[in-house]
Full PDB file with SEQRES, HELIX, SHEET, SSBOND, CRYST1, ORIGX, SCALE, CONECT and MASTER records, all heavy atoms in Angstrom:
SEQRES   1 A   36  SER GLU LEU THR TYR LEU LEU GLN SER GLY SER ASP ARG          
SEQRES   2 A   36  ILE GLY ALA LEU ASP PHE GLN ALA SER SER GLN GLU TYR          
SEQRES   3 A   36  GLU PRO ARG LEU ALA ALA GLU ALA SER PHE                      
HELIX    1 AA1 GLU A    2  GLN A    8  1                                   7    
CRYST1    1.000    1.000    1.000  90.00  90.00  90.00 P 1           1          
ORIGX1      1.000000  0.000000  0.000000        0.00000                         
ORIGX2      0.000000  1.000000  0.000000        0.00000                         
ORIGX3      0.000000  0.000000  1.000000        0.00000                         
SCALE1      1.000000  0.000000  0.000000        0.00000                         
SCALE2      0.000000  1.000000  0.000000        0.00000                         
SCALE3      0.000000  0.000000  1.000000        0.00000                         
ATOM      1  N   SER A   1     -72.781  33.380  24.445  1.00  0.00           N  
ATOM      2  CA  SER A   1     -73.647  34.278  24.026  1.00  0.00           C  
ATOM      3  C   SER A   1     -72.873  35.515  23.326  1.00  0.00           C  
ATOM      4  O   SER A   1     -71.643  35.708  23.453  1.00  0.00           O  
ATOM      5  CB  SER A   1     -74.405  34.908  25.172  1.00  0.00           C  
ATOM      6  OG  SER A   1     -73.525  35.685  26.002  1.00  0.00           O  
ATOM      7  N   GLU A   2     -73.623  36.270  22.366  1.00  0.00           N  
ATOM      8  CA  GLU A   2     -72.987  37.274  21.829  1.00  0.00           C  
ATOM      9  C   GLU A   2     -72.557  38.502  22.787  1.00  0.00           C  
ATOM     10  O   GLU A   2     -71.499  39.075  22.515  1.00  0.00           O  
ATOM     11  CB  GLU A   2     -74.033  37.912  20.746  1.00  0.00           C  
ATOM     12  CG  GLU A   2     -73.375  38.779  19.723  1.00  0.00           C  
ATOM     13  CD  GLU A   2     -72.458  37.929  18.797  1.00  0.00           C  
ATOM     14  OE1 GLU A   2     -72.808  36.771  18.412  1.00  0.00           O  
ATOM     15  OE2 GLU A   2     -71.360  38.542  18.378  1.00  0.00           O  
ATOM     16  N   LEU A   3     -73.289  38.515  23.828  1.00  0.00           N  
ATOM     17  CA  LEU A   3     -72.978  39.487  24.839  1.00  0.00           C  
ATOM     18  C   LEU A   3     -71.581  39.149  25.526  1.00  0.00           C  
ATOM     19  O   LEU A   3     -70.726  40.044  25.751  1.00  0.00           O  
ATOM     20  CB  LEU A   3     -74.042  39.621  25.926  1.00  0.00           C  
ATOM     21  CG  LEU A   3     -75.248  40.503  25.627  1.00  0.00           C  
ATOM     22  CD1 LEU A   3     -76.189  40.394  26.731  1.00  0.00           C  
ATOM     23  CD2 LEU A   3     -74.898  41.935  25.270  1.00  0.00           C  
ATOM     24  N   THR A   4     -71.327  37.949  25.687  1.00  0.00           N  
ATOM     25  CA  THR A   4     -70.133  37.466  26.173  1.00  0.00           C  
ATOM     26  C   THR A   4     -68.887  37.743  25.326  1.00  0.00           C  
ATOM     27  O   THR A   4     -67.845  38.263  25.705  1.00  0.00           O  
ATOM     28  CB  THR A   4     -70.095  35.887  26.493  1.00  0.00           C  
ATOM     29  OG1 THR A   4     -71.175  35.748  27.503  1.00  0.00           O  
ATOM     30  CG2 THR A   4     -68.834  35.480  27.180  1.00  0.00           C  
ATOM     31  N   TYR A   5     -69.177  37.470  23.983  1.00  0.00           N  
ATOM     32  CA  TYR A   5     -68.101  37.800  23.049  1.00  0.00           C  
ATOM     33  C   TYR A   5     -67.777  39.365  23.055  1.00  0.00           C  
ATOM     34  O   TYR A   5     -66.687  39.718  22.960  1.00  0.00           O  
ATOM     35  CB  TYR A   5     -68.478  37.422  21.614  1.00  0.00           C  
ATOM     36  CG  TYR A   5     -68.419  35.996  21.341  1.00  0.00           C  
ATOM     37  CD1 TYR A   5     -69.551  35.207  20.946  1.00  0.00           C  
ATOM     38  CD2 TYR A   5     -67.257  35.328  21.566  1.00  0.00           C  
ATOM     39  CE1 TYR A   5     -69.373  33.890  20.672  1.00  0.00           C  
ATOM     40  CE2 TYR A   5     -67.041  33.933  21.213  1.00  0.00           C  
ATOM     41  CZ  TYR A   5     -68.222  33.256  20.816  1.00  0.00           C  
ATOM     42  OH  TYR A   5     -68.059  31.882  20.542  1.00  0.00           O  
ATOM     43  N   LEU A   6     -68.807  40.207  23.138  1.00  0.00           N  
ATOM     44  CA  LEU A   6     -68.573  41.685  23.271  1.00  0.00           C  
ATOM     45  C   LEU A   6     -67.836  42.011  24.514  1.00  0.00           C  
ATOM     46  O   LEU A   6     -66.945  42.859  24.282  1.00  0.00           O  
ATOM     47  CB  LEU A   6     -70.003  42.320  23.231  1.00  0.00           C  
ATOM     48  CG  LEU A   6     -70.790  42.232  21.962  1.00  0.00           C  
ATOM     49  CD1 LEU A   6     -72.176  42.915  22.143  1.00  0.00           C  
ATOM     50  CD2 LEU A   6     -70.129  42.979  20.727  1.00  0.00           C  
ATOM     51  N   LEU A   7     -68.157  41.458  25.589  1.00  0.00           N  
ATOM     52  CA  LEU A   7     -67.524  41.842  26.912  1.00  0.00           C  
ATOM     53  C   LEU A   7     -66.152  41.207  27.047  1.00  0.00           C  
ATOM     54  O   LEU A   7     -65.339  41.632  27.922  1.00  0.00           O  
ATOM     55  CB  LEU A   7     -68.480  41.416  27.986  1.00  0.00           C  
ATOM     56  CG  LEU A   7     -69.751  42.319  28.152  1.00  0.00           C  
ATOM     57  CD1 LEU A   7     -70.728  41.599  29.175  1.00  0.00           C  
ATOM     58  CD2 LEU A   7     -69.402  43.729  28.580  1.00  0.00           C  
ATOM     59  N   GLN A   8     -65.882  40.128  26.354  1.00  0.00           N  
ATOM     60  CA  GLN A   8     -64.573  39.409  26.490  1.00  0.00           C  
ATOM     61  C   GLN A   8     -63.510  39.800  25.445  1.00  0.00           C  
ATOM     62  O   GLN A   8     -62.407  39.459  25.747  1.00  0.00           O  
ATOM     63  CB  GLN A   8     -64.848  37.874  26.506  1.00  0.00           C  
ATOM     64  CG  GLN A   8     -65.560  37.173  27.672  1.00  0.00           C  
ATOM     65  CD  GLN A   8     -64.695  37.255  28.872  1.00  0.00           C  
ATOM     66  OE1 GLN A   8     -63.566  37.206  28.831  1.00  0.00           O  
ATOM     67  NE2 GLN A   8     -65.330  37.202  30.053  1.00  0.00           N  
ATOM     68  N   SER A   9     -63.925  40.511  24.480  1.00  0.00           N  
ATOM     69  CA  SER A   9     -62.972  40.859  23.437  1.00  0.00           C  
ATOM     70  C   SER A   9     -62.369  42.176  23.870  1.00  0.00           C  
ATOM     71  O   SER A   9     -62.705  42.833  24.664  1.00  0.00           O  
ATOM     72  CB  SER A   9     -63.731  41.035  22.085  1.00  0.00           C  
ATOM     73  OG  SER A   9     -64.875  41.750  22.094  1.00  0.00           O  
ATOM     74  N   GLY A  10     -61.180  42.369  23.154  1.00  0.00           N  
ATOM     75  CA  GLY A  10     -60.409  43.528  23.322  1.00  0.00           C  
ATOM     76  C   GLY A  10     -61.104  44.857  23.194  1.00  0.00           C  
ATOM     77  O   GLY A  10     -62.075  44.968  22.347  1.00  0.00           O  
ATOM     78  N   SER A  11     -60.605  45.875  24.006  1.00  0.00           N  
ATOM     79  CA  SER A  11     -61.390  47.151  23.867  1.00  0.00           C  
ATOM     80  C   SER A  11     -61.066  48.010  22.708  1.00  0.00           C  
ATOM     81  O   SER A  11     -61.904  48.987  22.285  1.00  0.00           O  
ATOM     82  CB  SER A  11     -61.217  47.905  25.174  1.00  0.00           C  
ATOM     83  OG  SER A  11     -61.707  47.249  26.156  1.00  0.00           O  
ATOM     84  N   ASP A  12     -59.926  47.810  22.070  1.00  0.00           N  
ATOM     85  CA  ASP A  12     -59.517  48.652  20.916  1.00  0.00           C  
ATOM     86  C   ASP A  12     -60.004  48.264  19.608  1.00  0.00           C  
ATOM     87  O   ASP A  12     -59.327  48.021  18.629  1.00  0.00           O  
ATOM     88  CB  ASP A  12     -58.017  48.721  20.890  1.00  0.00           C  
ATOM     89  CG  ASP A  12     -57.430  49.939  20.129  1.00  0.00           C  
ATOM     90  OD1 ASP A  12     -58.218  50.913  19.778  1.00  0.00           O  
ATOM     91  OD2 ASP A  12     -56.245  50.040  19.884  1.00  0.00           O  
ATOM     92  N   ARG A  13     -61.327  47.949  19.593  1.00  0.00           N  
ATOM     93  CA  ARG A  13     -62.060  47.305  18.384  1.00  0.00           C  
ATOM     94  C   ARG A  13     -62.123  48.360  17.278  1.00  0.00           C  
ATOM     95  O   ARG A  13     -61.996  49.569  17.453  1.00  0.00           O  
ATOM     96  CB  ARG A  13     -63.272  46.681  18.902  1.00  0.00           C  
ATOM     97  CG  ARG A  13     -64.388  47.605  19.228  1.00  0.00           C  
ATOM     98  CD  ARG A  13     -65.639  47.036  19.885  1.00  0.00           C  
ATOM     99  NE  ARG A  13     -65.228  46.530  21.215  1.00  0.00           N  
ATOM    100  CZ  ARG A  13     -65.289  45.234  21.563  1.00  0.00           C  
ATOM    101  NH1 ARG A  13     -65.725  44.285  20.619  1.00  0.00           N  
ATOM    102  NH2 ARG A  13     -65.035  44.833  22.790  1.00  0.00           N  
ATOM    103  N   ILE A  14     -62.443  47.773  16.089  1.00  0.00           N  
ATOM    104  CA  ILE A  14     -62.684  48.686  14.877  1.00  0.00           C  
ATOM    105  C   ILE A  14     -63.767  49.611  15.189  1.00  0.00           C  
ATOM    106  O   ILE A  14     -64.837  49.140  15.771  1.00  0.00           O  
ATOM    107  CB  ILE A  14     -62.782  47.840  13.621  1.00  0.00           C  
ATOM    108  CG1 ILE A  14     -61.633  47.016  13.098  1.00  0.00           C  
ATOM    109  CG2 ILE A  14     -63.460  48.674  12.560  1.00  0.00           C  
ATOM    110  CD1 ILE A  14     -60.468  47.932  12.765  1.00  0.00           C  
ATOM    111  N   GLY A  15     -63.561  50.822  14.791  1.00  0.00           N  
ATOM    112  CA  GLY A  15     -64.709  51.882  14.983  1.00  0.00           C  
ATOM    113  C   GLY A  15     -64.582  52.598  16.244  1.00  0.00           C  
ATOM    114  O   GLY A  15     -63.546  52.731  16.891  1.00  0.00           O  
ATOM    115  N   ALA A  16     -65.775  53.044  16.680  1.00  0.00           N  
ATOM    116  CA  ALA A  16     -65.702  53.981  17.930  1.00  0.00           C  
ATOM    117  C   ALA A  16     -66.534  53.384  19.066  1.00  0.00           C  
ATOM    118  O   ALA A  16     -66.965  54.250  19.913  1.00  0.00           O  
ATOM    119  CB  ALA A  16     -66.367  55.369  17.364  1.00  0.00           C  
ATOM    120  N   LEU A  17     -66.793  52.149  19.112  1.00  0.00           N  
ATOM    121  CA  LEU A  17     -67.591  51.561  20.226  1.00  0.00           C  
ATOM    122  C   LEU A  17     -66.748  50.535  21.108  1.00  0.00           C  
ATOM    123  O   LEU A  17     -65.711  50.192  20.776  1.00  0.00           O  
ATOM    124  CB  LEU A  17     -68.679  50.818  19.702  1.00  0.00           C  
ATOM    125  CG  LEU A  17     -69.789  51.473  18.856  1.00  0.00           C  
ATOM    126  CD1 LEU A  17     -70.833  50.449  18.432  1.00  0.00           C  
ATOM    127  CD2 LEU A  17     -70.354  52.556  19.486  1.00  0.00           C  
ATOM    128  N   ASP A  18     -67.228  50.575  22.339  1.00  0.00           N  
ATOM    129  CA  ASP A  18     -66.648  49.397  23.224  1.00  0.00           C  
ATOM    130  C   ASP A  18     -67.815  48.984  24.134  1.00  0.00           C  
ATOM    131  O   ASP A  18     -68.847  49.672  24.230  1.00  0.00           O  
ATOM    132  CB  ASP A  18     -65.472  49.858  23.989  1.00  0.00           C  
ATOM    133  CG  ASP A  18     -64.782  48.645  24.720  1.00  0.00           C  
ATOM    134  OD1 ASP A  18     -64.877  47.480  24.132  1.00  0.00           O  
ATOM    135  OD2 ASP A  18     -64.025  48.804  25.707  1.00  0.00           O  
ATOM    136  N   PHE A  19     -67.561  47.900  24.902  1.00  0.00           N  
ATOM    137  CA  PHE A  19     -68.685  47.247  25.568  1.00  0.00           C  
ATOM    138  C   PHE A  19     -68.134  47.004  26.981  1.00  0.00           C  
ATOM    139  O   PHE A  19     -67.050  46.322  27.085  1.00  0.00           O  
ATOM    140  CB  PHE A  19     -69.277  45.975  24.865  1.00  0.00           C  
ATOM    141  CG  PHE A  19     -69.633  46.265  23.462  1.00  0.00           C  
ATOM    142  CD1 PHE A  19     -68.729  46.159  22.452  1.00  0.00           C  
ATOM    143  CD2 PHE A  19     -70.823  46.747  23.150  1.00  0.00           C  
ATOM    144  CE1 PHE A  19     -69.036  46.389  21.005  1.00  0.00           C  
ATOM    145  CE2 PHE A  19     -71.171  47.123  21.788  1.00  0.00           C  
ATOM    146  CZ  PHE A  19     -70.230  46.867  20.869  1.00  0.00           C  
ATOM    147  N   GLN A  20     -68.915  47.419  27.942  1.00  0.00           N  
ATOM    148  CA  GLN A  20     -68.514  47.173  29.383  1.00  0.00           C  
ATOM    149  C   GLN A  20     -69.639  46.615  30.181  1.00  0.00           C  
ATOM    150  O   GLN A  20     -70.867  46.824  29.890  1.00  0.00           O  
ATOM    151  CB  GLN A  20     -68.073  48.598  29.981  1.00  0.00           C  
ATOM    152  CG  GLN A  20     -66.793  49.171  29.169  1.00  0.00           C  
ATOM    153  CD  GLN A  20     -65.664  48.819  29.701  1.00  0.00           C  
ATOM    154  OE1 GLN A  20     -65.339  48.744  30.947  1.00  0.00           O  
ATOM    155  NE2 GLN A  20     -64.703  48.410  28.797  1.00  0.00           N  
ATOM    156  N   ALA A  21     -69.222  46.087  31.391  1.00  0.00           N  
ATOM    157  CA  ALA A  21     -70.285  45.612  32.268  1.00  0.00           C  
ATOM    158  C   ALA A  21     -70.832  46.707  33.132  1.00  0.00           C  
ATOM    159  O   ALA A  21     -71.972  46.685  33.735  1.00  0.00           O  
ATOM    160  CB  ALA A  21     -69.672  44.554  33.133  1.00  0.00           C  
ATOM    161  N   SER A  22     -70.045  47.883  33.162  1.00  0.00           N  
ATOM    162  CA  SER A  22     -70.473  49.018  34.037  1.00  0.00           C  
ATOM    163  C   SER A  22     -70.888  50.230  33.256  1.00  0.00           C  
ATOM    164  O   SER A  22     -70.236  50.458  32.102  1.00  0.00           O  
ATOM    165  CB  SER A  22     -69.277  49.370  35.015  1.00  0.00           C  
ATOM    166  OG  SER A  22     -69.575  50.656  35.643  1.00  0.00           O  
ATOM    167  N   SER A  23     -71.825  50.920  33.685  1.00  0.00           N  
ATOM    168  CA  SER A  23     -72.253  52.251  33.055  1.00  0.00           C  
ATOM    169  C   SER A  23     -71.479  53.556  33.746  1.00  0.00           C  
ATOM    170  O   SER A  23     -71.633  54.549  33.294  1.00  0.00           O  
ATOM    171  CB  SER A  23     -73.693  52.425  33.190  1.00  0.00           C  
ATOM    172  OG  SER A  23     -74.132  52.569  34.500  1.00  0.00           O  
ATOM    173  N   GLN A  24     -70.780  53.204  34.837  1.00  0.00           N  
ATOM    174  CA  GLN A  24     -70.111  54.255  35.649  1.00  0.00           C  
ATOM    175  C   GLN A  24     -68.728  54.410  35.401  1.00  0.00           C  
ATOM    176  O   GLN A  24     -68.164  55.544  35.357  1.00  0.00           O  
ATOM    177  CB  GLN A  24     -70.395  53.985  37.181  1.00  0.00           C  
ATOM    178  CG  GLN A  24     -71.839  53.863  37.510  1.00  0.00           C  
ATOM    179  CD  GLN A  24     -72.760  55.067  37.112  1.00  0.00           C  
ATOM    180  OE1 GLN A  24     -72.340  56.168  37.469  1.00  0.00           O  
ATOM    181  NE2 GLN A  24     -73.891  54.879  36.500  1.00  0.00           N  
ATOM    182  N   GLU A  25     -68.018  53.349  35.205  1.00  0.00           N  
ATOM    183  CA  GLU A  25     -66.590  53.353  35.163  1.00  0.00           C  
ATOM    184  C   GLU A  25     -66.145  52.635  33.922  1.00  0.00           C  
ATOM    185  O   GLU A  25     -66.497  51.385  33.724  1.00  0.00           O  
ATOM    186  CB  GLU A  25     -65.915  52.820  36.396  1.00  0.00           C  
ATOM    187  CG  GLU A  25     -64.425  53.066  36.349  1.00  0.00           C  
ATOM    188  CD  GLU A  25     -63.883  52.588  37.751  1.00  0.00           C  
ATOM    189  OE1 GLU A  25     -64.567  52.156  38.634  1.00  0.00           O  
ATOM    190  OE2 GLU A  25     -62.504  52.624  37.795  1.00  0.00           O  
ATOM    191  N   TYR A  26     -65.379  53.256  32.941  1.00  0.00           N  
ATOM    192  CA  TYR A  26     -64.729  52.638  31.864  1.00  0.00           C  
ATOM    193  C   TYR A  26     -63.493  51.896  32.201  1.00  0.00           C  
ATOM    194  O   TYR A  26     -62.446  52.589  32.565  1.00  0.00           O  
ATOM    195  CB  TYR A  26     -64.645  53.631  30.719  1.00  0.00           C  
ATOM    196  CG  TYR A  26     -64.062  53.039  29.473  1.00  0.00           C  
ATOM    197  CD1 TYR A  26     -64.911  52.221  28.602  1.00  0.00           C  
ATOM    198  CD2 TYR A  26     -62.757  53.045  29.080  1.00  0.00           C  
ATOM    199  CE1 TYR A  26     -64.388  51.567  27.549  1.00  0.00           C  
ATOM    200  CE2 TYR A  26     -62.307  52.456  27.893  1.00  0.00           C  
ATOM    201  CZ  TYR A  26     -63.055  51.687  27.175  1.00  0.00           C  
ATOM    202  OH  TYR A  26     -62.540  51.040  26.124  1.00  0.00           O  
ATOM    203  N   GLU A  27     -63.302  50.665  31.973  1.00  0.00           N  
ATOM    204  CA  GLU A  27     -62.117  49.896  32.251  1.00  0.00           C  
ATOM    205  C   GLU A  27     -61.639  49.130  30.939  1.00  0.00           C  
ATOM    206  O   GLU A  27     -62.239  48.069  30.613  1.00  0.00           O  
ATOM    207  CB  GLU A  27     -62.303  48.948  33.446  1.00  0.00           C  
ATOM    208  CG  GLU A  27     -62.538  49.533  34.628  1.00  0.00           C  
ATOM    209  CD  GLU A  27     -62.645  48.578  35.800  1.00  0.00           C  
ATOM    210  OE1 GLU A  27     -62.521  47.342  35.581  1.00  0.00           O  
ATOM    211  OE2 GLU A  27     -62.957  49.015  36.978  1.00  0.00           O  
ATOM    212  N   PRO A  28     -60.840  49.832  30.160  1.00  0.00           N  
ATOM    213  CA  PRO A  28     -60.472  49.063  28.975  1.00  0.00           C  
ATOM    214  C   PRO A  28     -59.642  47.790  29.206  1.00  0.00           C  
ATOM    215  O   PRO A  28     -58.921  47.620  30.142  1.00  0.00           O  
ATOM    216  CB  PRO A  28     -59.553  50.152  28.261  1.00  0.00           C  
ATOM    217  CG  PRO A  28     -58.939  50.785  29.420  1.00  0.00           C  
ATOM    218  CD  PRO A  28     -60.063  50.999  30.391  1.00  0.00           C  
ATOM    219  N   ARG A  29     -60.030  46.762  28.383  1.00  0.00           N  
ATOM    220  CA  ARG A  29     -59.182  45.511  28.288  1.00  0.00           C  
ATOM    221  C   ARG A  29     -57.981  45.704  27.417  1.00  0.00           C  
ATOM    222  O   ARG A  29     -58.157  45.747  26.126  1.00  0.00           O  
ATOM    223  CB  ARG A  29     -60.106  44.464  27.719  1.00  0.00           C  
ATOM    224  CG  ARG A  29     -61.318  44.218  28.686  1.00  0.00           C  
ATOM    225  CD  ARG A  29     -62.346  43.233  28.191  1.00  0.00           C  
ATOM    226  NE  ARG A  29     -63.118  43.744  26.991  1.00  0.00           N  
ATOM    227  CZ  ARG A  29     -64.165  44.592  27.090  1.00  0.00           C  
ATOM    228  NH1 ARG A  29     -64.492  44.956  28.238  1.00  0.00           N  
ATOM    229  NH2 ARG A  29     -64.722  44.881  25.981  1.00  0.00           N  
ATOM    230  N   LEU A  30     -56.930  45.979  28.002  1.00  0.00           N  
ATOM    231  CA  LEU A  30     -55.592  46.379  27.321  1.00  0.00           C  
ATOM    232  C   LEU A  30     -54.877  45.299  26.926  1.00  0.00           C  
ATOM    233  O   LEU A  30     -54.839  44.141  27.494  1.00  0.00           O  
ATOM    234  CB  LEU A  30     -54.819  47.478  28.258  1.00  0.00           C  
ATOM    235  CG  LEU A  30     -55.721  48.639  28.601  1.00  0.00           C  
ATOM    236  CD1 LEU A  30     -54.854  49.534  29.696  1.00  0.00           C  
ATOM    237  CD2 LEU A  30     -55.989  49.573  27.413  1.00  0.00           C  
ATOM    238  N   ALA A  31     -53.843  45.625  26.073  1.00  0.00           N  
ATOM    239  CA  ALA A  31     -52.815  44.608  25.765  1.00  0.00           C  
ATOM    240  C   ALA A  31     -51.642  44.545  26.648  1.00  0.00           C  
ATOM    241  O   ALA A  31     -51.272  45.546  27.199  1.00  0.00           O  
ATOM    242  CB  ALA A  31     -52.331  44.993  24.306  1.00  0.00           C  
ATOM    243  N   ALA A  32     -51.127  43.251  26.799  1.00  0.00           N  
ATOM    244  CA  ALA A  32     -49.857  43.234  27.410  1.00  0.00           C  
ATOM    245  C   ALA A  32     -48.768  43.471  26.448  1.00  0.00           C  
ATOM    246  O   ALA A  32     -48.982  43.198  25.238  1.00  0.00           O  
ATOM    247  CB  ALA A  32     -49.799  41.759  28.028  1.00  0.00           C  
ATOM    248  N   GLU A  33     -47.613  43.820  26.871  1.00  0.00           N  
ATOM    249  CA  GLU A  33     -46.506  43.928  26.075  1.00  0.00           C  
ATOM    250  C   GLU A  33     -46.147  42.555  25.504  1.00  0.00           C  
ATOM    251  O   GLU A  33     -45.855  41.618  26.222  1.00  0.00           O  
ATOM    252  CB  GLU A  33     -45.260  44.553  26.678  1.00  0.00           C  
ATOM    253  CG  GLU A  33     -45.488  46.050  27.041  1.00  0.00           C  
ATOM    254  CD  GLU A  33     -45.485  46.891  25.770  1.00  0.00           C  
ATOM    255  OE1 GLU A  33     -44.755  46.559  24.793  1.00  0.00           O  
ATOM    256  OE2 GLU A  33     -46.238  47.908  25.889  1.00  0.00           O  
ATOM    257  N   ALA A  34     -45.847  42.393  24.218  1.00  0.00           N  
ATOM    258  CA  ALA A  34     -45.556  41.188  23.662  1.00  0.00           C  
ATOM    259  C   ALA A  34     -44.672  41.346  22.383  1.00  0.00           C  
ATOM    260  O   ALA A  34     -45.043  42.291  21.572  1.00  0.00           O  
ATOM    261  CB  ALA A  34     -46.612  40.211  23.462  1.00  0.00           C  
ATOM    262  N   SER A  35     -43.608  40.647  22.136  1.00  0.00           N  
ATOM    263  CA  SER A  35     -42.985  40.722  20.881  1.00  0.00           C  
ATOM    264  C   SER A  35     -43.733  39.927  19.708  1.00  0.00           C  
ATOM    265  O   SER A  35     -44.788  39.198  20.078  1.00  0.00           O  
ATOM    266  CB  SER A  35     -41.663  40.108  21.002  1.00  0.00           C  
ATOM    267  OG  SER A  35     -41.676  38.641  21.292  1.00  0.00           O  
ATOM    268  N   PHE A  36     -43.361  40.311  18.524  1.00  0.00           N  
ATOM    269  CA  PHE A  36     -44.018  39.504  17.368  1.00  0.00           C  
ATOM    270  C   PHE A  36     -43.711  37.971  17.545  1.00  0.00           C  
ATOM    271  O   PHE A  36     -44.657  37.240  17.185  1.00  0.00           O  
ATOM    272  CB  PHE A  36     -43.383  39.944  16.068  1.00  0.00           C  
ATOM    273  CG  PHE A  36     -43.896  41.229  15.618  1.00  0.00           C  
ATOM    274  CD1 PHE A  36     -43.071  42.258  15.187  1.00  0.00           C  
ATOM    275  CD2 PHE A  36     -45.250  41.509  15.480  1.00  0.00           C  
ATOM    276  CE1 PHE A  36     -43.529  43.566  14.660  1.00  0.00           C  
ATOM    277  CE2 PHE A  36     -45.658  42.711  14.958  1.00  0.00           C  
ATOM    278  CZ  PHE A  36     -44.862  43.714  14.642  1.00  0.00           C  
TER     279      PHE A  36                                                      
MASTER        0    0    0    1    0    0    0    6  278    1    0    3          
END                                                                             
């Protein structure tokens, strides 16, 4: 589903929006450290 794509994709998306399962606590989906 489109909702799953929104909730499973990274949080640092283009623009000023993000999508979360919670309305109370924002938990960004962050990057792990990795080399090129």
